[in-house]
Amino acid sequence: MTVQAVIFDWGGTLTPWHTVDHAALWRGVCALHFAEELAERNAEAIRAAEWELWRVAERDHRSASMDHVFERAGVEPTAAFLASYALAWEPHTLTDPDAPELLRRLRAAGVKVGVLSNTMWPRSMHEQVFVRDGVLDLIDGAVYSSEIEWTKPHPEAFRAAMHAVGVSDPAACVFVGDRPFDDVYGAKRAGMRAVLVPNSDVPACPDAEPDAVIGRLADLAPLIDAWQRD
């Protein structure tokens, strides 16, 4: 089956994986906007709410948004607070240097480019990252779990991504991600081919059987070319 679309995970895939101290990040943001005692309380409450909602996503594959986090934490963020939060994340969101050329090559070959991310962030935060790094116009469609009911690996999340890029046959789609369960297992269960970009910090999944494993994004282009010739 000809490859009509390649859909990418975001964190750990289009943006290289590295460890982020979320508790410290929230403390730093809150310290800018609240008095010391309240800052500590709010940082702890926000991080606890965030963690609880990610646990729900892992267990039930149900999505959440930053609005849900703040509501659960009892914190009402201002625009300035949200801007500080986005700025604190900036060093952790740099697009992989291999990505722009890869995305241009795929689109030049007539292959749609999509993004499917498990995220609580609003679309605007992701698009700001893509604009900053010059790749937003290389993406044909994107789905963020904060906007839909489900998270990966639920099949409906993958179907939403297919719809976003205008492809109806999962066998014509390739999903690329760094998480064996969310990305590989989920994509395969949805009927797609799956490519794993492994990193040691993401848990293995015995039920995840990728169609290919690549060491870096640049290795994807010859793989897609080979599949186009099959």
Foldseek 3Di string as FASTA:
>chain_A
DAAAAEEEEAACAQFNDDDDDQLVLQLVLLVVPDPNVVSNLLSVLLVVLVVVQVVCCVPVQWAAASVSSCVRSVHDDDPVSVVSSLVSCVVRRAGDPLPPVLLVVCVVVNHAYEYQYADRYDPVSVVVNCVVNVCPVSHQFYDYSNVDTGAFLPLVSVCVRCVRNVHRQQCSYEYEYAAQRRTQVSSVVNPHAYEHQYDDVHDHDPNGDHPYYDPHPNVVVVVSVVVNVD
